[in-house]
Amino acid sequence: MQGFRRDRDFETARELLGSLKIFSIIDAESVVERANNFRFLRKRGITIRKTVDVIIATFCIKNDIPLLYSDRDFFPFQKHLKLRSAMVD
């Protein structure tokens, strides 16, 4: 949302996004699960560059939600931890 220059475009996006279901992805229970996923990949020589990617991927894995992404940090989650991609093959 921060990239919109025109107020009209911002308001349109805000309305459209407001119709989507919102999830809370940060909770104390999932901290250990995220750390375990990061450590699992790290032991295989894979370092995820951004903590937020670990948070998002772990949430999607735990809730079986396909993720639409192009960030290379998500590929190891798909390959090793059963992250489902929203991309149609």
Protein backbone atom coordinates (compact mmCIF):
# COMPACT_ATOMS: atom_id res chain seq x y z
CA MET A 1 0.00 0.00 0.00
CA GLN A 2 2.87 2.40 0.61
CA GLY A 3 3.74 2.55 -3.08
CA PHE A 4 0.56 4.25 -4.30
CA ARG A 5 1.10 7.82 -5.43
CA ARG A 6 -2.50 8.74 -6.17
CA ASP A 7 -5.07 8.89 -3.37
CA ARG A 8 -7.71 7.32 -5.61
CA ASP A 9 -5.52 4.27 -6.29
CA PHE A 10 -4.71 3.95 -2.60
CA GLU A 11 -8.39 4.04 -1.63
CA THR A 12 -9.30 1.47 -4.30
CA ALA A 13 -6.61 -0.89 -3.07
CA ARG A 14 -7.62 -0.35 0.56
CA GLU A 15 -11.23 -1.23 -0.23
CA LEU A 16 -10.27 -4.33 -2.21
CA LEU A 17 -7.83 -5.54 0.43
CA GLY A 18 -10.44 -4.89 3.10
CA SER A 19 -12.63 -7.58 1.57
CA LEU A 20 -9.96 -10.25 2.12
CA LYS A 21 -9.71 -12.50 5.16
CA ILE A 22 -7.02 -11.32 7.57
CA PHE A 23 -4.89 -13.77 9.55
CA SER A 24 -2.75 -13.15 12.59
CA ILE A 25 0.54 -14.89 11.83
CA ILE A 26 2.55 -13.88 14.88
CA ASP A 27 1.93 -15.75 18.11
CA ALA A 28 4.07 -17.20 20.87
CA GLU A 29 3.13 -20.78 19.95
CA SER A 30 4.61 -20.58 16.46
CA VAL A 31 7.96 -19.07 17.49
CA VAL A 32 9.52 -22.49 18.12
CA GLU A 33 8.03 -23.88 14.92
CA ARG A 34 9.56 -21.04 12.89
CA ALA A 35 12.91 -21.53 14.59
CA ASN A 36 12.76 -25.27 13.87
CA ASN A 37 12.07 -24.63 10.18
CA PHE A 38 14.94 -22.14 9.95
CA ARG A 39 17.30 -24.56 11.72
CA PHE A 40 16.15 -27.48 9.55
CA LEU A 41 17.07 -25.57 6.39
CA ARG A 42 20.27 -24.19 7.90
CA LYS A 43 21.47 -27.74 8.67
CA ARG A 44 21.09 -28.43 4.96
CA GLY A 45 23.27 -25.44 4.08
CA ILE A 46 20.36 -23.16 3.24
CA THR A 47 20.21 -19.72 4.86
CA ILE A 48 16.97 -17.80 4.59
CA ARG A 49 17.89 -14.13 4.29
CA LYS A 50 14.80 -12.55 5.85
CA THR A 51 13.06 -13.53 9.07
CA VAL A 52 9.73 -12.42 7.64
CA ASP A 53 10.04 -15.09 4.93
CA VAL A 54 10.38 -17.76 7.63
CA ILE A 55 7.31 -16.35 9.39
CA ILE A 56 5.21 -16.32 6.22
CA ALA A 57 6.32 -19.73 4.96
CA THR A 58 5.80 -21.42 8.32
CA PHE A 59 2.32 -19.93 8.65
CA CYS A 60 1.38 -21.17 5.18
CA ILE A 61 2.82 -24.63 5.84
CA LYS A 62 1.06 -24.95 9.20
CA ASN A 63 -2.30 -23.86 7.75
CA ASP A 64 -1.92 -25.60 4.37
CA ILE A 65 -2.30 -22.31 2.51
CA PRO A 66 -0.68 -22.07 -0.94
CA LEU A 67 1.68 -19.11 -1.26
CA LEU A 68 2.11 -16.98 -4.37
CA TYR A 69 5.74 -15.91 -4.46
CA SER A 70 8.74 -15.16 -6.63
CA ASP A 71 11.27 -14.63 -3.81
CA ARG A 72 13.95 -17.32 -4.01
CA ASP A 73 13.94 -17.78 -0.23
CA PHE A 74 10.61 -19.59 -0.45
CA PHE A 75 11.84 -22.34 -2.80
CA PRO A 76 13.61 -24.32 -0.03
CA PHE A 77 10.41 -24.29 2.01
CA GLN A 78 8.60 -25.78 -0.95
CA LYS A 79 11.30 -28.36 -1.64
CA HIS A 80 12.06 -29.46 1.94
CA LEU A 81 9.11 -28.46 4.14
CA LYS A 82 6.04 -28.96 1.92
CA LEU A 83 5.17 -25.30 1.33
CA ARG A 84 2.53 -25.31 -1.39
CA SER A 85 2.99 -22.86 -4.24
CA ALA A 86 -0.03 -21.01 -5.60
CA MET A 87 1.57 -21.01 -9.05
CA VAL A 88 -0.27 -23.14 -11.58
CA ASP A 89 2.08 -25.63 -13.21
